[in-house]
């Protein structure tokens, strides 16, 4: 089977976004505007690749080309910005038999990797798929190393009372008892972005963990992506800011992207329990069916996230490195 790989240079942003919206296994960061902002922030060249079988699109796969001295690397997504997912999205495969689906997926991935090798010739490739991406075998058949990693997905459909009943006892108690406190959780718009990013940066600094996300980057994403994509929520107690979460909404999912860290000051108030509850309720109001808690690979943090009764959901890290590219691999692991 022949799948032609082409750059989307001739498409309009709306045409590319239309493919992204129709595809499976895509998210908000696949959108044209988000890719452009990420490319500027990382000093990278973005290639928006599309696979065609004849005239029919079968997949989208944005990749970023970046140089580190003598090393050329390809990322999807690039490191440093805490962008969690990217990688391939698939189109027009739902009605195919398993045999045809596998052939088409393999031809698409084979074609993208061949395009990358011919046009860029990188020493290092790193890809991270969206949750649930179904078949990473074509990457292994192209000499890539594939590792599973995990996030938590929470089904937020059904009555609120049933959803709350699936939470752990302490989470239920915290959320119900919080009603007696003068608190407010609301979507604050771009003005909240600085407060949330500053709080996260402070928390990471206290743990000596690199954190390169800037308020200006998040504000640009907020301003350039379609309305409602980046949604900043803050929690105030007695009128004072105590915490916040930057969320990303796309399709049927609202994702907990940044924030929700330990509050700056000790308070007898369950800031993050309340924030997560209010965010998922806001997601329900806009038609989302899934709350992505984003990340399930830290035992300490998992104890918090698992109390909401989520489903463990895999996604995949894919890597290919030459001897020279192993230097870029070490840099990636330090800054991702």
Protein backbone atom coordinates (compact mmCIF):
# COMPACT_ATOMS: atom_id res chain seq x y z
CA UNK A 1 0.00 0.00 0.00
CA UNK A 2 1.31 3.44 -0.94
CA UNK A 3 0.62 6.41 1.30
CA UNK A 4 1.86 9.76 0.02
CA UNK A 5 3.24 12.08 2.70
CA UNK A 6 2.87 15.79 2.04
CA UNK A 7 3.45 18.98 3.97
CA UNK A 8 0.37 21.07 4.78
CA UNK A 9 2.03 24.25 3.50
CA UNK A 10 -0.67 24.64 0.86
CA UNK A 11 -3.52 24.33 3.35
CA UNK A 12 -5.14 27.12 5.29
CA UNK A 13 -5.19 26.93 9.10
CA UNK A 14 -8.91 26.19 8.93
CA UNK A 15 -8.35 23.29 6.51
CA UNK A 16 -5.63 21.77 8.72
CA UNK A 17 -7.75 22.23 11.84
CA UNK A 18 -10.66 20.56 10.08
CA UNK A 19 -8.51 17.46 9.58
CA UNK A 20 -7.36 17.59 13.21
CA UNK A 21 -10.96 17.81 14.45
CA UNK A 22 -12.02 14.86 12.31
CA UNK A 23 -9.04 12.71 13.23
CA UNK A 24 -8.83 10.32 16.14
CA UNK A 25 -5.98 10.56 18.69
CA UNK A 26 -5.45 14.30 18.24
CA UNK A 27 -5.69 17.02 20.85
CA UNK A 28 -5.62 20.80 21.15
CA UNK A 29 -1.89 21.09 20.51
CA UNK A 30 -2.35 19.60 17.04
CA UNK A 31 -4.19 22.75 15.98
CA UNK A 32 -2.44 25.04 13.51
CA UNK A 33 -2.27 28.01 15.86
CA UNK A 34 -0.88 25.99 18.79
CA UNK A 35 1.82 24.47 16.57
CA UNK A 36 2.87 27.94 15.39
CA UNK A 37 3.14 29.26 18.96
CA UNK A 38 5.15 26.21 20.08
CA UNK A 39 7.51 26.55 17.11
CA UNK A 40 8.23 30.20 17.92
CA UNK A 41 8.75 29.50 21.61
CA UNK A 42 11.19 26.62 20.97
CA UNK A 43 12.98 28.17 17.97
CA UNK A 44 11.96 25.14 15.92
CA UNK A 45 10.64 24.52 12.43
CA UNK A 46 7.25 22.82 12.43
CA UNK A 47 6.31 20.41 9.66
CA UNK A 48 2.60 19.66 9.50
CA UNK A 49 2.58 16.31 7.70
CA UNK A 50 -0.46 14.66 6.11
CA UNK A 51 -0.75 11.14 4.73
CA UNK A 52 -2.92 10.55 1.66
CA UNK A 53 -4.22 7.40 0.01
CA UNK A 54 -5.06 8.85 -3.33
CA UNK A 55 -7.08 11.95 -2.46
CA UNK A 56 -8.22 10.64 0.92
CA UNK A 57 -6.39 11.87 4.04
CA UNK A 58 -5.46 9.02 6.36
CA UNK A 59 -3.40 10.76 9.03
CA UNK A 60 -1.86 13.95 10.40
CA UNK A 61 1.51 14.07 12.13
CA UNK A 62 3.10 17.40 13.17
CA UNK A 63 6.83 17.27 13.91
CA UNK A 64 9.33 19.90 15.03
CA UNK A 65 12.83 20.16 13.60
CA UNK A 66 15.45 21.62 15.91
CA UNK A 67 19.23 21.89 15.87
CA UNK A 68 21.61 21.52 18.82
CA UNK A 69 25.00 22.41 17.37
CA UNK A 70 25.91 19.48 15.08
CA UNK A 71 22.83 17.49 16.09
CA UNK A 72 19.50 17.70 14.28
CA UNK A 73 16.55 16.40 16.27
CA UNK A 74 12.89 15.82 15.48
CA UNK A 75 10.29 16.07 18.24
CA UNK A 76 6.55 15.66 18.52
CA UNK A 77 6.11 17.48 20.92
CA UNK A 78 9.35 19.43 21.58
CA UNK A 79 10.81 19.51 25.10
CA UNK A 80 10.80 22.34 27.60
CA UNK A 81 7.18 23.51 27.47
CA UNK A 82 5.44 20.70 29.35
CA UNK A 83 3.39 19.87 26.24
CA UNK A 84 2.31 16.36 27.13
CA UNK A 85 0.98 14.83 23.90
CA UNK A 86 1.31 15.15 20.14
CA UNK A 87 2.31 12.50 17.60
CA UNK A 88 0.09 10.98 14.90
CA UNK A 89 -3.64 11.29 14.45
CA UNK A 90 -5.60 8.90 12.21
CA UNK A 91 -8.39 9.60 9.69
CA UNK A 92 -10.88 7.51 7.76
CA UNK A 93 -10.04 4.17 9.33
CA UNK A 94 -13.08 3.44 11.50
CA UNK A 95 -14.93 1.39 8.90
CA UNK A 96 -11.94 -0.67 7.73
CA UNK A 97 -11.29 -4.29 8.61
CA UNK A 98 -8.50 -4.94 11.11
CA UNK A 99 -6.22 -6.13 8.31
CA UNK A 100 -6.75 -2.99 6.22
CA UNK A 101 -6.47 -0.74 9.27
CA UNK A 102 -3.11 -2.24 10.20
CA UNK A 103 -1.79 -1.97 6.64
CA UNK A 104 -2.87 1.65 6.34
CA UNK A 105 -1.49 2.66 9.74
CA UNK A 106 1.83 0.99 9.00
CA UNK A 107 2.11 2.61 5.58
CA UNK A 108 1.35 6.01 7.12
CA UNK A 109 3.98 5.72 9.87
CA UNK A 110 6.52 4.19 7.45
CA UNK A 111 5.90 7.11 5.09
CA UNK A 112 6.28 9.79 7.77
CA UNK A 113 9.54 8.32 9.06
CA UNK A 114 10.86 8.01 5.50
CA UNK A 115 9.90 11.67 4.84
CA UNK A 116 11.72 12.73 8.01
CA UNK A 117 14.84 10.74 7.11
CA UNK A 118 14.93 12.05 3.54
CA UNK A 119 14.18 15.72 4.27
CA UNK A 120 15.74 16.22 7.71
CA UNK A 121 18.06 13.24 8.37
CA UNK A 122 17.91 13.65 12.17
CA UNK A 123 20.25 12.07 14.69
CA UNK A 124 17.44 11.86 17.20
CA UNK A 125 13.67 11.38 17.03
CA UNK A 126 11.30 11.57 19.99
CA UNK A 127 7.51 11.22 19.77
CA UNK A 128 4.86 11.07 22.47
CA UNK A 129 1.40 9.93 21.42
CA UNK A 130 -1.96 10.93 22.81
CA UNK A 131 -3.65 8.55 25.28
CA UNK A 132 -5.20 5.51 23.73
CA UNK A 133 -3.20 5.57 20.48
CA UNK A 134 -3.86 2.02 19.30
CA UNK A 135 -0.85 0.59 17.50
CA UNK A 136 2.79 1.60 17.96
CA UNK A 137 4.21 -1.53 16.32
CA UNK A 138 5.05 0.34 13.07
CA UNK A 139 7.49 2.45 15.11
CA UNK A 140 9.20 -0.63 16.53
CA UNK A 141 9.45 -2.06 13.01
CA UNK A 142 11.31 1.13 12.07
CA UNK A 143 13.99 0.58 14.76
CA UNK A 144 12.39 2.85 17.34
CA UNK A 145 12.31 2.10 21.05
CA UNK A 146 8.79 2.29 22.47
CA UNK A 147 7.96 2.72 26.16
CA UNK A 148 4.51 2.88 27.76
CA UNK A 149 3.67 5.72 30.09
CA UNK A 150 0.40 6.55 31.78
CA UNK A 151 -2.22 9.11 32.65
CA UNK A 152 -5.54 8.98 34.48
CA UNK A 153 -8.84 9.50 32.67
CA UNK A 154 -11.99 10.20 34.64
CA UNK A 155 -15.43 9.61 33.12
CA UNK A 156 -17.41 12.72 34.07
CA UNK A 157 -20.75 11.73 32.57
CA UNK A 158 -23.84 10.84 34.60
CA UNK A 159 -25.34 12.52 37.67
CA UNK A 160 -22.98 14.59 39.80
CA UNK A 161 -23.97 12.61 42.88
CA UNK A 162 -22.89 9.34 41.24
CA UNK A 163 -19.60 10.88 40.16
CA UNK A 164 -18.89 12.17 43.65
CA UNK A 165 -19.73 8.77 45.13
CA UNK A 166 -16.89 7.23 43.12
CA UNK A 167 -14.37 9.47 44.89
CA UNK A 168 -12.50 8.34 47.97
CA UNK A 169 -14.06 9.16 51.33
CA UNK A 170 -11.62 11.98 52.09
CA UNK A 171 -12.19 13.57 48.68
CA UNK A 172 -15.97 13.47 49.12
CA UNK A 173 -15.71 14.91 52.61
CA UNK A 174 -13.33 17.67 51.52
CA UNK A 175 -15.57 18.78 48.67
CA UNK A 176 -18.77 18.70 50.71
CA UNK A 177 -17.27 20.43 53.75
CA UNK A 178 -15.69 23.15 51.57
CA UNK A 179 -19.18 24.52 50.93
CA UNK A 180 -19.10 26.06 54.41
CA UNK A 181 -16.08 28.21 53.45
CA UNK A 182 -16.18 31.51 51.60
CA UNK A 183 -14.42 30.27 48.46
CA UNK A 184 -14.78 30.94 44.77
CA UNK A 185 -13.53 28.93 41.79
CA UNK A 186 -13.99 30.54 38.42
CA UNK A 187 -12.50 30.75 34.96
CA UNK A 188 -10.61 34.03 35.14
CA UNK A 189 -9.24 34.48 31.62
CA UNK A 190 -5.72 35.64 30.71
CA UNK A 191 -5.29 37.65 33.90
CA UNK A 192 -5.07 34.42 35.91
CA UNK A 193 -2.31 32.89 33.80
CA UNK A 194 0.54 34.79 35.44
CA UNK A 195 -0.61 33.86 38.95
CA UNK A 196 -0.91 30.17 38.13
CA UNK A 197 2.40 29.89 36.26
CA UNK A 198 4.22 31.84 38.97
CA UNK A 199 2.87 29.49 41.65
CA UNK A 200 3.89 26.40 39.67
CA UNK A 201 7.36 27.84 39.01
CA UNK A 202 7.81 28.51 42.73
CA UNK A 203 6.80 24.96 43.63
CA UNK A 204 9.15 23.42 41.07
CA UNK A 205 12.02 25.66 42.18
CA UNK A 206 11.53 24.47 45.75
CA UNK A 207 12.04 20.92 44.47
CA UNK A 208 14.98 21.93 42.23
CA UNK A 209 13.06 20.83 39.12
CA UNK A 210 13.52 22.75 35.83
CA UNK A 211 10.43 24.62 34.69
CA UNK A 212 10.64 26.59 31.46
CA UNK A 213 6.98 27.44 30.89
CA UNK A 214 6.48 31.22 30.86
CA UNK A 215 3.32 33.27 31.30
CA UNK A 216 3.93 34.91 27.90
CA UNK A 217 3.93 31.49 26.19
CA UNK A 218 0.68 30.44 27.85
CA UNK A 219 -0.94 33.82 27.14
CA UNK A 220 -0.02 33.51 23.47
CA UNK A 221 -1.54 30.03 23.34
CA UNK A 222 -4.65 31.45 25.01
CA UNK A 223 -4.88 34.30 22.51
CA UNK A 224 -4.01 32.40 19.33
CA UNK A 225 -5.88 29.11 19.72
CA UNK A 226 -9.65 28.85 19.20
CA UNK A 227 -11.79 30.30 21.98
CA UNK A 228 -12.16 27.96 24.95
CA UNK A 229 -9.01 25.94 24.28
CA UNK A 230 -6.88 27.26 27.16
CA UNK A 231 -9.05 27.72 30.25
CA UNK A 232 -7.42 29.15 33.43
CA UNK A 233 -9.27 28.40 36.68
CA UNK A 234 -8.37 30.00 40.01
CA UNK A 235 -9.48 29.37 43.56
CA UNK A 236 -9.88 32.24 46.02
CA UNK A 237 -10.59 31.89 49.72
CA UNK A 238 -11.86 34.98 51.53
CA UNK A 239 -10.98 36.91 48.38
CA UNK A 240 -7.32 35.79 48.25
CA UNK A 241 -5.75 33.66 45.50
CA UNK A 242 -4.75 30.24 46.86
CA UNK A 243 -4.32 28.10 43.74
CA UNK A 244 -5.19 27.51 40.13
CA UNK A 245 -5.22 25.06 37.24
CA UNK A 246 -4.58 25.75 33.56
CA UNK A 247 -6.76 23.39 31.59
CA UNK A 248 -6.92 22.50 27.90
CA UNK A 249 -10.26 21.63 26.31
CA UNK A 250 -10.56 19.80 23.00
CA UNK A 251 -13.28 17.54 21.68
CA UNK A 252 -14.80 15.52 24.50
CA UNK A 253 -11.88 16.01 26.93
CA UNK A 254 -10.83 18.68 29.39
CA UNK A 255 -7.24 18.18 30.56
CA UNK A 256 -5.50 19.32 33.75
CA UNK A 257 -2.41 20.81 32.10
CA UNK A 258 -0.53 23.01 34.61
CA UNK A 259 -1.14 23.97 38.22
CA UNK A 260 -2.88 22.21 41.05
CA UNK A 261 0.37 22.27 43.01
CA UNK A 262 0.78 22.48 46.77
CA UNK A 263 -0.43 25.93 47.89
CA UNK A 264 2.14 28.52 48.91
CA UNK A 265 0.73 28.84 52.42
CA UNK A 266 -0.68 26.18 54.72
CA UNK A 267 -4.46 26.45 54.89
CA UNK A 268 -7.10 24.30 56.44
CA UNK A 269 -8.85 24.18 53.09
CA UNK A 270 -8.65 21.44 50.39
CA UNK A 271 -7.62 23.76 47.56
CA UNK A 272 -6.82 21.16 44.93
CA UNK A 273 -9.73 18.83 45.71
CA UNK A 274 -12.08 21.76 45.23
CA UNK A 275 -10.29 22.97 42.09
CA UNK A 276 -10.44 19.54 40.44
CA UNK A 277 -14.10 19.16 41.31
CA UNK A 278 -15.04 22.58 39.97
CA UNK A 279 -12.95 22.10 36.80
CA UNK A 280 -14.55 18.77 35.94
CA UNK A 281 -17.98 20.29 36.60
CA UNK A 282 -17.10 23.12 34.20
CA UNK A 283 -16.00 20.50 31.67
CA UNK A 284 -19.36 18.78 31.95
CA UNK A 285 -21.09 22.10 31.26
CA UNK A 286 -19.29 22.50 27.93
CA UNK A 287 -20.05 18.93 26.86
CA UNK A 288 -16.86 17.12 27.85
CA UNK A 289 -17.14 13.48 28.88
CA UNK A 290 -13.57 12.91 30.10
CA UNK A 291 -11.30 14.69 32.59
CA UNK A 292 -7.63 13.95 31.86
CA UNK A 293 -5.71 14.33 35.11
CA UNK A 294 -2.47 14.37 33.02
CA UNK A 295 0.18 12.06 34.36
CA UNK A 296 0.18 8.88 36.42
CA UNK A 297 3.87 8.10 36.71
CA UNK A 298 4.78 9.55 40.10
CA UNK A 299 3.84 7.42 43.13
CA UNK A 300 3.51 10.49 45.33
CA UNK A 301 1.22 12.38 42.94
CA UNK A 302 -0.67 9.25 41.95
CA UNK A 303 -1.95 8.87 45.50
CA UNK A 304 -3.73 12.19 45.06
CA UNK A 305 -5.07 11.66 41.54
CA UNK A 306 -6.25 8.08 42.02
CA UNK A 307 -8.68 9.09 44.76
CA UNK A 308 -11.07 10.46 42.13
CA UNK A 309 -11.70 6.95 40.79
CA UNK A 310 -10.10 7.43 37.35
CA UNK A 311 -9.13 4.85 34.74
CA UNK A 312 -5.43 4.23 34.12
CA UNK A 313 -4.82 5.01 30.44
CA UNK A 314 -1.58 4.36 28.52
CA UNK A 315 0.20 6.45 25.96
CA UNK A 316 3.63 5.93 24.43
CA UNK A 317 7.07 7.49 24.21
CA UNK A 318 8.91 6.63 21.00
CA UNK A 319 12.61 7.22 20.50
CA UNK A 320 15.26 6.60 17.88
CA UNK A 321 18.82 7.83 18.30
CA UNK A 322 22.12 7.46 16.51
CA UNK A 323 25.32 7.48 18.55
CA UNK A 324 25.51 11.25 18.11
CA UNK A 325 21.81 11.57 18.82
CA UNK A 326 22.24 10.01 22.27
CA UNK A 327 23.53 13.44 23.36
CA UNK A 328 20.21 15.00 22.36
CA UNK A 329 18.43 12.17 24.15
CA UNK A 330 20.14 13.06 27.41
CA UNK A 331 19.23 16.72 26.92
CA UNK A 332 15.61 15.78 26.23
CA UNK A 333 15.31 13.68 29.37
CA UNK A 334 16.67 16.60 31.42
CA UNK A 335 14.36 19.27 30.01
CA UNK A 336 11.14 17.53 28.92
